[in-house]
Amino acid sequence: EVQLVESGGGLVQAGGSLRLSCAASGFTFDDYAIGWFRQAPGEERLGVACISSSDGSTYYADSVKGRFTISSDNAKNTVYLQMNSLKPEDTAVYYCAADRDLIQAIMLVTTTRESRDGMDYWGKGTLVTVSS
C-alpha cells in the first residue's frame, strides 16, 4: 500500500520557519519525483516545490524561491520542505505527492494550475498557519 505521510505543520509567526517532512512507503522511492503542494481555503491546490529522487534536482514555484528548500533522504524515503521567512499568504494545507513523471511534477510546480489530479499519489496534508 502506497503511503505518503506529512508532518511538521503548525502555527508560526510571520518571518519564522518550519520544516515539513514527508515519509513515503509502498513504492520504489528512487523511481519517483516527490512534490510539495499547498491549498488555501477556497483556493486551488498549487505546486510549491519538487525533487527528483534519482538525481536530486529541485524545482520551485516563483512564489517560494529563495525562501523554501526541498531536500530528500533516500535512505529514509523521506522528503523535507524547509520553509523560511514565512508570510501570512503561505498559510495553507501542505500536501506531499509522488509521480513517476518528473516532467509532470515540474510542470505543476512551475506553472500556476490546479494540481489535485496531476500526481499519482497524495498524502493527507498538514496545516501550516502563519500569523501576522
C-alpha atoms as a PDB file:
ATOM      1  CA  GLU A   1       0.000   0.000   0.000  1.00  0.00           C
ATOM      2  CA  VAL A   2       1.345   3.389  -1.015  1.00  0.00           C
ATOM      3  CA  GLN A   3       1.561   5.893   1.810  1.00  0.00           C
ATOM      4  CA  LEU A   4       2.735   9.478   1.972  1.00  0.00           C
ATOM      5  CA  VAL A   5       2.591  10.883   5.479  1.00  0.00           C
ATOM      6  CA  GLU A   6       3.217  14.563   6.111  1.00  0.00           C
ATOM      7  CA  SER A   7       4.252  16.052   9.432  1.00  0.00           C
ATOM      8  CA  GLY A   8       5.700  19.258  10.844  1.00  0.00           C
ATOM      9  CA  GLY A   9       2.901  21.708  10.261  1.00  0.00           C
ATOM     10  CA  GLY A  10       1.778  24.184  12.885  1.00  0.00           C
ATOM     11  CA  LEU A  11       1.335  27.813  13.832  1.00  0.00           C
ATOM     12  CA  VAL A  12       4.209  30.231  13.306  1.00  0.00           C
ATOM     13  CA  GLN A  13       4.603  33.999  13.248  1.00  0.00           C
ATOM     14  CA  ALA A  14       5.430  35.830  10.071  1.00  0.00           C
ATOM     15  CA  GLY A  15       9.164  35.723   9.441  1.00  0.00           C
ATOM     16  CA  GLY A  16       9.506  32.385  11.190  1.00  0.00           C
ATOM     17  CA  SER A  17      10.455  28.940   9.920  1.00  0.00           C
ATOM     18  CA  LEU A  18       9.025  25.443   9.770  1.00  0.00           C
ATOM     19  CA  ARG A  19      10.283  22.165   8.363  1.00  0.00           C
ATOM     20  CA  LEU A  20       7.801  19.741   6.876  1.00  0.00           C
ATOM     21  CA  SER A  21       8.533  16.048   6.421  1.00  0.00           C
ATOM     22  CA  CYS A  22       7.004  13.517   4.042  1.00  0.00           C
ATOM     23  CA  ALA A  23       7.600   9.847   4.808  1.00  0.00           C
ATOM     24  CA  ALA A  24       6.981   7.614   1.782  1.00  0.00           C
ATOM     25  CA  SER A  25       6.364   3.879   1.613  1.00  0.00           C
ATOM     26  CA  GLY A  26       4.855   1.258  -0.682  1.00  0.00           C
ATOM     27  CA  PHE A  27       6.660   2.254  -3.879  1.00  0.00           C
ATOM     28  CA  THR A  28      10.193   2.459  -5.245  1.00  0.00           C
ATOM     29  CA  PHE A  29      11.211   5.845  -3.948  1.00  0.00           C
ATOM     30  CA  ASP A  30      14.094   6.373  -6.386  1.00  0.00           C
ATOM     31  CA  ASP A  31      11.747   5.986  -9.375  1.00  0.00           C
ATOM     32  CA  TYR A  32       9.535   8.913  -8.434  1.00  0.00           C
ATOM     33  CA  ALA A  33       9.519  12.662  -8.303  1.00  0.00           C
ATOM     34  CA  ILE A  34       8.213  13.982  -4.990  1.00  0.00           C
ATOM     35  CA  GLY A  35       6.494  17.313  -4.744  1.00  0.00           C
ATOM     36  CA  TRP A  36       5.015  19.644  -2.173  1.00  0.00           C
ATOM     37  CA  PHE A  37       1.736  21.359  -2.940  1.00  0.00           C
ATOM     38  CA  ARG A  38      -0.470  23.679  -0.939  1.00  0.00           C
ATOM     39  CA  GLN A  39      -4.104  24.631  -0.836  1.00  0.00           C
ATOM     40  CA  ALA A  40      -5.528  27.627   0.978  1.00  0.00           C
ATOM     41  CA  PRO A  41      -9.243  27.705   1.866  1.00  0.00           C
ATOM     42  CA  GLY A  42     -11.324  28.266  -1.251  1.00  0.00           C
ATOM     43  CA  GLU A  43      -8.278  28.183  -3.491  1.00  0.00           C
ATOM     44  CA  GLU A  44      -6.767  25.774  -5.987  1.00  0.00           C
ATOM     45  CA  ARG A  45      -4.129  23.267  -4.994  1.00  0.00           C
ATOM     46  CA  LEU A  46      -0.863  24.669  -6.365  1.00  0.00           C
ATOM     47  CA  GLY A  47       2.650  23.335  -6.656  1.00  0.00           C
ATOM     48  CA  VAL A  48       5.356  24.623  -4.343  1.00  0.00           C
ATOM     49  CA  ALA A  49       8.472  22.528  -4.986  1.00  0.00           C
ATOM     50  CA  CYS A  50       9.532  19.163  -6.322  1.00  0.00           C
ATOM     51  CA  ILE A  51      12.608  16.973  -6.314  1.00  0.00           C
ATOM     52  CA  SER A  52      13.833  14.116  -8.447  1.00  0.00           C
ATOM     53  CA  SER A  53      14.580  11.218  -6.121  1.00  0.00           C
ATOM     54  CA  SER A  54      17.021   9.787  -8.651  1.00  0.00           C
ATOM     55  CA  ASP A  55      19.334  12.745  -9.159  1.00  0.00           C
ATOM     56  CA  GLY A  56      18.266  15.292  -6.541  1.00  0.00           C
ATOM     57  CA  SER A  57      17.412  18.062  -8.983  1.00  0.00           C
ATOM     58  CA  THR A  58      14.995  20.576  -7.477  1.00  0.00           C
ATOM     59  CA  TYR A  59      12.363  22.939  -8.847  1.00  0.00           C
ATOM     60  CA  TYR A  60      10.352  25.714  -7.217  1.00  0.00           C
ATOM     61  CA  ALA A  61       7.352  27.914  -7.732  1.00  0.00           C
ATOM     62  CA  ASP A  62       8.308  31.565  -8.142  1.00  0.00           C
ATOM     63  CA  SER A  63       6.368  32.466  -5.000  1.00  0.00           C
ATOM     64  CA  VAL A  64       8.724  30.477  -2.759  1.00  0.00           C
ATOM     65  CA  LYS A  65      12.089  30.727  -4.489  1.00  0.00           C
ATOM     66  CA  GLY A  66      14.788  31.847  -2.087  1.00  0.00           C
ATOM     67  CA  ARG A  67      12.625  31.068   0.951  1.00  0.00           C
ATOM     68  CA  PHE A  68      11.793  27.342   0.703  1.00  0.00           C
ATOM     69  CA  THR A  69      14.187  24.445   0.190  1.00  0.00           C
ATOM     70  CA  ILE A  70      13.199  20.907  -0.757  1.00  0.00           C
ATOM     71  CA  SER A  71      15.522  18.014   0.035  1.00  0.00           C
ATOM     72  CA  SER A  72      15.393  14.261   0.332  1.00  0.00           C
ATOM     73  CA  ASP A  73      16.949  11.491   2.380  1.00  0.00           C
ATOM     74  CA  ASN A  74      16.710   8.463   0.127  1.00  0.00           C
ATOM     75  CA  ALA A  75      17.910   6.139   2.881  1.00  0.00           C
ATOM     76  CA  LYS A  76      14.834   7.121   4.880  1.00  0.00           C
ATOM     77  CA  ASN A  77      12.455   7.520   1.909  1.00  0.00           C
ATOM     78  CA  THR A  78      11.697  10.971   3.267  1.00  0.00           C
ATOM     79  CA  VAL A  79      11.403  14.378   1.631  1.00  0.00           C
ATOM     80  CA  TYR A  80      11.632  17.640   3.542  1.00  0.00           C
ATOM     81  CA  LEU A  81      10.464  21.171   2.913  1.00  0.00           C
ATOM     82  CA  GLN A  82      12.368  23.811   4.859  1.00  0.00           C
ATOM     83  CA  MET A  83      10.290  26.977   4.916  1.00  0.00           C
ATOM     84  CA  ASN A  84      11.948  30.228   5.968  1.00  0.00           C
ATOM     85  CA  SER A  85      10.772  33.842   6.030  1.00  0.00           C
ATOM     86  CA  LEU A  86       7.197  32.666   6.184  1.00  0.00           C
ATOM     87  CA  LYS A  87       4.414  35.055   5.219  1.00  0.00           C
ATOM     88  CA  PRO A  88       0.708  35.028   6.092  1.00  0.00           C
ATOM     89  CA  GLU A  89      -0.024  34.183   2.450  1.00  0.00           C
ATOM     90  CA  ASP A  90       1.869  30.900   2.933  1.00  0.00           C
ATOM     91  CA  THR A  91      -0.976  29.720   5.161  1.00  0.00           C
ATOM     92  CA  ALA A  92      -2.431  26.549   3.647  1.00  0.00           C
ATOM     93  CA  VAL A  93      -2.701  22.805   3.942  1.00  0.00           C
ATOM     94  CA  TYR A  94       0.549  21.409   2.555  1.00  0.00           C
ATOM     95  CA  TYR A  95       0.426  18.119   0.688  1.00  0.00           C
ATOM     96  CA  CYS A  96       3.171  15.749  -0.345  1.00  0.00           C
ATOM     97  CA  ALA A  97       2.700  13.911  -3.645  1.00  0.00           C
ATOM     98  CA  ALA A  98       4.580  11.469  -5.847  1.00  0.00           C
ATOM     99  CA  ASP A  99       4.622  10.876  -9.593  1.00  0.00           C
ATOM    100  CA  ARG A 100       6.713   8.707 -11.901  1.00  0.00           C
ATOM    101  CA  ASP A 101       6.887  11.541 -14.417  1.00  0.00           C
ATOM    102  CA  LEU A 102       9.342  14.220 -13.346  1.00  0.00           C
ATOM    103  CA  ILE A 103       8.313  16.486 -16.209  1.00  0.00           C
ATOM    104  CA  GLN A 104       4.721  16.354 -14.983  1.00  0.00           C
ATOM    105  CA  ALA A 105       5.791  17.323 -11.476  1.00  0.00           C
ATOM    106  CA  ILE A 106       7.967  20.168 -12.778  1.00  0.00           C
ATOM    107  CA  MET A 107       5.101  21.467 -14.885  1.00  0.00           C
ATOM    108  CA  LEU A 108       2.731  21.501 -11.928  1.00  0.00           C
ATOM    109  CA  VAL A 109       5.219  23.234  -9.668  1.00  0.00           C
ATOM    110  CA  THR A 110       6.436  25.892 -12.095  1.00  0.00           C
ATOM    111  CA  THR A 111       3.062  26.868 -13.532  1.00  0.00           C
ATOM    112  CA  THR A 112       0.022  28.158 -11.671  1.00  0.00           C
ATOM    113  CA  ARG A 113      -2.532  25.451 -12.229  1.00  0.00           C
ATOM    114  CA  GLU A 114      -4.815  23.203 -10.244  1.00  0.00           C
ATOM    115  CA  SER A 115      -2.758  20.147  -9.316  1.00  0.00           C
ATOM    116  CA  ARG A 116      -5.200  17.917  -7.474  1.00  0.00           C
ATOM    117  CA  ASP A 117      -5.431  15.341 -10.285  1.00  0.00           C
ATOM    118  CA  GLY A 118      -1.897  15.749 -11.548  1.00  0.00           C
ATOM    119  CA  MET A 119       0.145  13.382  -9.400  1.00  0.00           C
ATOM    120  CA  ASP A 120      -0.045   9.614  -8.919  1.00  0.00           C
ATOM    121  CA  TYR A 121      -0.156   9.546  -5.115  1.00  0.00           C
ATOM    122  CA  TRP A 122      -1.067  12.071  -2.418  1.00  0.00           C
ATOM    123  CA  GLY A 123      -0.720  12.388   1.314  1.00  0.00           C
ATOM    124  CA  LYS A 124      -3.480  13.750   3.526  1.00  0.00           C
ATOM    125  CA  GLY A 125      -1.801  17.039   4.230  1.00  0.00           C
ATOM    126  CA  THR A 126      -0.531  19.082   7.157  1.00  0.00           C
ATOM    127  CA  LEU A 127      -1.784  22.542   8.107  1.00  0.00           C
ATOM    128  CA  VAL A 128       0.586  25.494   8.179  1.00  0.00           C
ATOM    129  CA  THR A 129      -0.722  28.726   9.673  1.00  0.00           C
ATOM    130  CA  VAL A 130       1.348  31.898   9.534  1.00  0.00           C
ATOM    131  CA  SER A 131       0.131  34.719  11.755  1.00  0.00           C
ATOM    132  CA  SER A 132       0.835  38.372  11.014  1.00  0.00           C
END
